[in-house]
Amino acid sequence: MTVITRFAPSPTGYLHLGHAASALFSMKQAGPHGRFLLRIEDIDQTRCRPEYLDAIYEDLAWLGLGWEQPVRVQSEHFADYQAVLDRLTDMGLLYPCFCTRKDIQAEIERIGNAPHGPDGALYPGTCRHCSAQERSDRIAAGESYALRLDMDAAIGRVGRELVWFDRSAGRQVATPEIFGDVVLARKDTPTSYHISVTHDDHLQGISLITRGQDLFFASHLHRLMQELLGYDVPEYHHHGLLTGPDGKRFAKRDKSKTLRSMREEGMTPDAVRDLADQF
């Protein structure tokens, strides 16, 4: 079977050495007879910038990477993600949450000893118990809200153990409940990473998802989404993260390690590729 991988950066800053390592890793996993795709994950329209998008193409080409055309740009496909949200709504698995961050924090402090997941304290479920009439009235009144997944209902609908295979960690049993009632869309961002990436990986036929170890836990939730939506289940390979001398992983705010700055300092693509190969 042809291996299909992808590199999916967000244009919220210039690519750094860690991005180069991730892109090169994904391309290598596809191998000489596989397919390597580039996808632009720009659903956060408040942070994404056209100059960063242009720089992604320029930096990756400078490194010597090639990819298929056309490139899927997520901001051009919000209607696709809305259709996914509509399906989950029709299943009775989404509910509007009107709580502000302050409201949530206050409720967590009130109940004490709130369970925690990969993203911190879990949402206490305040709006899960609102009646249909109350939800309708508050939406009609123009209140801002997010759409949350009713995790218990979603797991109950599946009704069986979910597994996935990671090439670096072996067989995994999905435990999406660690996320609680996770947000899947907001008013200012009408989708989420969890919705868009799960949908696009299925749509593009990605057979091997390669991404950093920092996204390992997200795969537990994505496995649930795949099951609910009838999507194919790919293999995964969560690679290590390239770090600096201080042990901290590279970030877009670290301008000294961007591919652009390295190029301006006279580094060659081969030298950058050698550095990226160290992880």
Protein backbone atom coordinates (compact mmCIF):
# COMPACT_ATOMS: atom_id res chain seq x y z
CA MET A 1 0.00 0.00 0.00
CA THR A 2 1.26 3.46 -0.89
CA VAL A 3 2.24 5.45 2.21
CA ILE A 4 0.73 8.94 2.27
CA THR A 5 2.05 11.44 4.80
CA ARG A 6 1.61 15.16 5.34
CA PHE A 7 3.27 18.19 6.90
CA ALA A 8 0.68 20.67 8.15
CA PRO A 9 2.10 23.96 9.50
CA SER A 10 0.15 27.00 10.67
CA PRO A 11 1.18 30.40 9.25
CA THR A 12 1.38 32.13 12.63
CA GLY A 13 5.13 32.74 12.49
CA TYR A 14 8.26 31.78 10.58
CA LEU A 15 9.23 28.11 10.43
CA HIS A 16 12.05 27.08 12.74
CA LEU A 17 14.46 24.17 12.92
CA GLY A 18 11.88 21.96 14.66
CA HIS A 19 9.49 22.45 11.74
CA ALA A 20 12.25 21.49 9.31
CA ALA A 21 12.89 18.31 11.28
CA SER A 22 9.19 17.43 11.30
CA ALA A 23 8.72 18.08 7.58
CA LEU A 24 11.81 16.08 6.64
CA PHE A 25 10.74 13.23 8.92
CA SER A 26 7.31 13.08 7.28
CA MET A 27 8.80 13.11 3.79
CA LYS A 28 11.21 10.29 4.69
CA GLN A 29 8.38 8.16 6.09
CA ALA A 30 6.58 8.41 2.75
CA GLY A 31 9.65 6.95 1.09
CA PRO A 32 10.55 7.07 -2.58
CA HIS A 33 7.30 5.43 -3.69
CA GLY A 34 4.91 7.21 -1.31
CA ARG A 35 3.19 10.57 -1.37
CA PHE A 36 4.10 13.60 0.74
CA LEU A 37 1.45 16.33 1.06
CA LEU A 38 1.63 19.87 2.36
CA ARG A 39 -1.43 21.27 4.13
CA ILE A 40 -1.86 24.77 5.54
CA GLU A 41 -3.73 24.78 8.86
CA ASP A 42 -4.85 28.40 9.08
CA ILE A 43 -8.19 28.13 10.85
CA ASP A 44 -7.11 30.71 13.45
CA GLN A 45 -7.71 33.79 11.32
CA THR A 46 -6.77 36.15 14.16
CA ARG A 47 -3.15 34.93 14.25
CA CYS A 48 -2.38 33.75 10.72
CA ARG A 49 -0.62 36.17 8.36
CA PRO A 50 -0.13 36.11 4.55
CA GLU A 51 3.59 36.84 4.92
CA TYR A 52 4.03 33.73 7.05
CA LEU A 53 2.17 31.63 4.48
CA ASP A 54 4.49 32.86 1.72
CA ALA A 55 7.47 32.11 3.94
CA ILE A 56 6.34 28.50 4.49
CA TYR A 57 6.43 27.80 0.76
CA GLU A 58 9.75 29.63 0.37
CA ASP A 59 11.47 27.93 3.32
CA LEU A 60 10.36 24.41 2.41
CA ALA A 61 11.38 24.87 -1.22
CA TRP A 62 14.77 26.18 -0.05
CA LEU A 63 15.20 23.01 2.01
CA GLY A 64 14.61 20.98 -1.11
CA LEU A 65 11.16 19.61 -0.31
CA GLY A 66 8.57 19.06 -3.00
CA TRP A 67 4.85 18.45 -2.57
CA GLU A 68 1.74 17.76 -4.58
CA GLN A 69 -0.53 20.49 -5.88
CA PRO A 70 -2.97 21.88 -5.04
CA VAL A 71 -2.15 22.51 -1.41
CA ARG A 72 -5.18 22.22 0.87
CA VAL A 73 -5.62 25.50 2.74
CA GLN A 74 -8.04 24.97 5.60
CA SER A 75 -9.48 28.50 5.67
CA GLU A 76 -10.92 27.80 2.21
CA HIS A 77 -12.97 24.89 3.55
CA PHE A 78 -14.88 26.12 6.59
CA ALA A 79 -18.08 24.78 5.00
CA ASP A 80 -16.61 21.26 5.14
CA TYR A 81 -15.97 21.54 8.87
CA GLN A 82 -19.42 23.00 9.46
CA ALA A 83 -20.88 19.93 7.78
CA VAL A 84 -18.95 17.75 10.25
CA LEU A 85 -20.28 19.80 13.16
CA ASP A 86 -23.81 19.46 11.75
CA ARG A 87 -23.42 15.67 11.68
CA LEU A 88 -22.33 15.59 15.30
CA THR A 89 -25.20 17.91 16.23
CA ASP A 90 -27.68 15.62 14.49
CA MET A 91 -26.28 12.76 16.59
CA GLY A 92 -27.07 14.76 19.73
CA LEU A 93 -23.40 14.96 20.70
CA LEU A 94 -22.80 18.74 20.72
CA TYR A 95 -24.15 21.42 23.01
CA PRO A 96 -23.62 25.19 23.23
CA CYS A 97 -21.52 26.40 26.16
CA PHE A 98 -22.02 30.02 27.22
CA CYS A 99 -19.42 30.00 30.00
CA THR A 100 -16.58 32.47 29.93
CA ARG A 101 -13.10 31.45 31.08
CA LYS A 102 -13.82 33.34 34.28
CA ASP A 103 -17.08 31.42 34.79
CA ILE A 104 -15.30 28.10 34.31
CA GLN A 105 -12.50 28.97 36.68
CA ALA A 106 -14.97 30.09 39.34
CA GLU A 107 -16.94 26.84 39.05
CA ILE A 108 -13.76 24.75 39.24
CA GLU A 109 -12.70 26.60 42.37
CA ARG A 110 -16.17 26.11 43.86
CA ILE A 111 -16.26 22.34 43.40
CA GLY A 112 -12.57 21.82 44.23
CA ASN A 113 -10.36 18.90 43.17
CA ALA A 114 -11.49 19.14 39.55
CA PRO A 115 -10.17 16.33 37.34
CA HIS A 116 -7.38 17.33 34.98
CA GLY A 117 -6.50 16.30 31.44
CA PRO A 118 -3.76 17.13 28.93
CA ASP A 119 -5.01 20.72 28.63
CA GLY A 120 -5.54 21.35 32.35
CA ALA A 121 -8.66 21.22 34.50
CA LEU A 122 -11.61 19.64 32.73
CA TYR A 123 -14.72 21.64 31.99
CA PRO A 124 -17.21 20.99 34.83
CA GLY A 125 -20.19 20.53 32.51
CA THR A 126 -22.14 23.60 33.61
CA CYS A 127 -23.98 24.16 30.31
CA ARG A 128 -24.49 20.48 29.57
CA HIS A 129 -27.57 20.56 31.78
CA CYS A 130 -29.27 23.60 30.16
CA SER A 131 -32.67 22.91 28.66
CA ALA A 132 -33.25 23.16 24.93
CA GLN A 133 -35.41 26.23 25.51
CA GLU A 134 -32.74 27.99 27.55
CA ARG A 135 -30.13 27.27 24.91
CA SER A 136 -32.39 28.56 22.16
CA ASP A 137 -33.25 31.73 24.09
CA ARG A 138 -29.63 32.54 24.88
CA ILE A 139 -28.51 32.01 21.30
CA ALA A 140 -31.39 34.18 20.04
CA ALA A 141 -30.33 36.87 22.50
CA GLY A 142 -26.91 36.99 20.83
CA GLU A 143 -24.83 35.45 23.61
CA SER A 144 -21.43 34.14 22.56
CA TYR A 145 -20.97 30.40 22.89
CA ALA A 146 -18.69 27.53 22.03
CA LEU A 147 -19.77 24.08 20.85
CA ARG A 148 -18.64 21.29 23.18
CA LEU A 149 -18.67 17.55 22.66
CA ASP A 150 -20.76 15.65 25.19
CA MET A 151 -17.99 13.17 25.92
CA ASP A 152 -20.06 10.67 27.89
CA ALA A 153 -22.70 10.56 25.16
CA ALA A 154 -20.05 10.20 22.45
CA ILE A 155 -18.30 7.31 24.18
CA GLY A 156 -21.67 5.70 24.89
CA ARG A 157 -22.60 5.91 21.23
CA VAL A 158 -19.43 4.09 20.22
CA GLY A 159 -19.89 1.47 22.91
CA ARG A 160 -16.64 -0.42 22.38
CA GLU A 161 -12.90 -0.21 22.92
CA LEU A 162 -11.08 1.98 20.42
CA VAL A 163 -7.49 1.27 19.47
CA TRP A 164 -4.85 2.80 17.25
CA PHE A 165 -1.27 1.91 16.35
CA ASP A 166 1.69 4.19 16.88
CA ARG A 167 4.95 3.16 15.22
CA SER A 168 6.95 4.60 18.10
CA ALA A 169 4.77 3.30 20.97
CA GLY A 170 2.87 0.29 19.65
CA ARG A 171 -0.80 -0.55 20.13
CA GLN A 172 -2.74 2.12 21.99
CA VAL A 173 -6.16 2.02 23.62
CA ALA A 174 -7.92 5.34 23.13
CA THR A 175 -9.02 7.16 26.29
CA PRO A 176 -10.69 10.31 24.92
CA GLU A 177 -12.40 10.94 28.26
CA ILE A 178 -9.15 12.57 29.41
CA PHE A 179 -10.30 15.66 27.50
CA GLY A 180 -13.76 15.92 29.05
CA ASP A 181 -16.33 17.94 27.11
CA VAL A 182 -13.81 19.44 24.69
CA VAL A 183 -14.56 22.55 22.60
CA LEU A 184 -14.96 21.73 18.90
CA ALA A 185 -15.83 25.21 17.58
CA ARG A 186 -16.07 28.84 18.68
CA LYS A 187 -17.77 31.92 17.32
CA ASP A 188 -14.48 33.52 16.20
CA THR A 189 -13.02 30.19 15.00
CA PRO A 190 -15.85 28.13 13.46
CA THR A 191 -13.95 24.87 13.77
CA SER A 192 -11.14 23.43 15.86
CA TYR A 193 -7.88 21.61 15.28
CA HIS A 194 -9.59 18.38 16.31
CA ILE A 195 -12.35 18.72 13.72
CA SER A 196 -10.33 20.06 10.80
CA VAL A 197 -7.32 17.77 11.11
CA THR A 198 -9.40 14.61 11.57
CA HIS A 199 -11.59 15.48 8.60
CA ASP A 200 -8.72 16.47 6.31
CA ASP A 201 -6.56 13.45 7.13
CA HIS A 202 -9.49 11.24 6.10
CA LEU A 203 -10.35 13.31 3.03
CA GLN A 204 -6.76 13.30 1.78
CA GLY A 205 -6.27 9.60 2.45
CA ILE A 206 -3.40 10.08 4.89
CA SER A 207 -2.24 6.59 5.82
CA LEU A 208 0.51 7.60 8.25
CA ILE A 209 0.15 10.65 10.46
CA THR A 210 3.54 11.92 11.59
CA ARG A 211 3.64 14.68 14.18
CA GLY A 212 5.43 15.71 17.32
CA GLN A 213 5.22 13.93 20.65
CA ASP A 214 3.45 17.02 22.05
CA LEU A 215 0.34 15.98 20.09
CA PHE A 216 0.32 12.36 21.24
CA PHE A 217 -2.67 12.75 23.55
CA ALA A 218 -4.73 14.47 20.85
CA SER A 219 -4.73 11.17 18.97
CA HIS A 220 -6.93 9.66 21.70
CA LEU A 221 -9.62 12.20 20.89
CA HIS A 222 -9.10 11.96 17.14
CA ARG A 223 -9.62 8.20 17.29
CA LEU A 224 -13.04 8.83 18.84
CA MET A 225 -13.89 11.37 16.13
CA GLN A 226 -12.91 8.87 13.43
CA GLU A 227 -15.22 6.27 14.89
CA LEU A 228 -18.16 8.65 15.24
CA LEU A 229 -17.78 9.93 11.68
CA GLY A 230 -16.98 6.62 9.98
CA TYR A 231 -13.50 7.73 8.94
CA ASP A 232 -10.54 5.53 8.09
CA VAL A 233 -8.05 4.85 10.88
CA PRO A 234 -4.45 5.65 9.84
CA GLU A 235 -1.26 4.63 11.57
CA TYR A 236 0.60 7.21 13.63
CA HIS A 237 4.21 8.02 14.37
CA HIS A 238 4.76 10.63 17.06
CA HIS A 239 8.37 11.68 16.72
CA GLY A 240 10.56 13.33 19.30
CA LEU A 241 10.89 17.09 19.53
CA LEU A 242 14.04 18.93 18.56
CA THR A 243 15.29 21.06 21.44
CA GLY A 244 17.93 23.72 21.98
CA PRO A 245 20.94 23.58 24.34
CA ASP A 246 18.66 24.65 27.20
CA GLY A 247 16.46 21.60 26.69
CA LYS A 248 13.46 23.66 25.57
CA ARG A 249 11.78 22.82 22.30
CA PHE A 250 11.96 25.40 19.54
CA ALA A 251 9.16 27.94 19.25
CA LYS A 252 8.19 30.48 16.61
CA ARG A 253 9.07 33.30 18.99
CA ASP A 254 12.70 32.10 18.98
CA LYS A 255 13.77 34.22 16.01
CA SER A 256 17.40 33.06 16.13
CA LYS A 257 16.38 29.55 15.08
CA THR A 258 13.99 30.36 12.24
CA LEU A 259 14.89 28.95 8.85
CA ARG A 260 14.80 32.48 7.48
CA SER A 261 17.41 33.74 9.95
CA MET A 262 19.61 30.70 9.32
CA ARG A 263 19.47 31.35 5.60
CA GLU A 264 20.32 35.02 6.10
CA GLU A 265 23.32 33.99 8.20
CA GLY A 266 24.64 32.00 5.26
CA MET A 267 23.71 28.47 6.29
CA THR A 268 23.15 26.07 3.43
CA PRO A 269 20.12 23.80 3.08
CA ASP A 270 22.39 20.78 3.59
CA ALA A 271 23.66 22.21 6.89
CA VAL A 272 20.11 22.79 8.14
CA ARG A 273 19.06 19.31 7.07
CA ASP A 274 22.01 17.85 8.97
CA LEU A 275 20.93 19.72 12.12
CA ALA A 276 17.34 18.57 11.66
CA ASP A 277 18.46 14.95 11.34
CA GLN A 278 19.83 14.98 14.90
CA PHE A 279 16.54 14.03 16.56
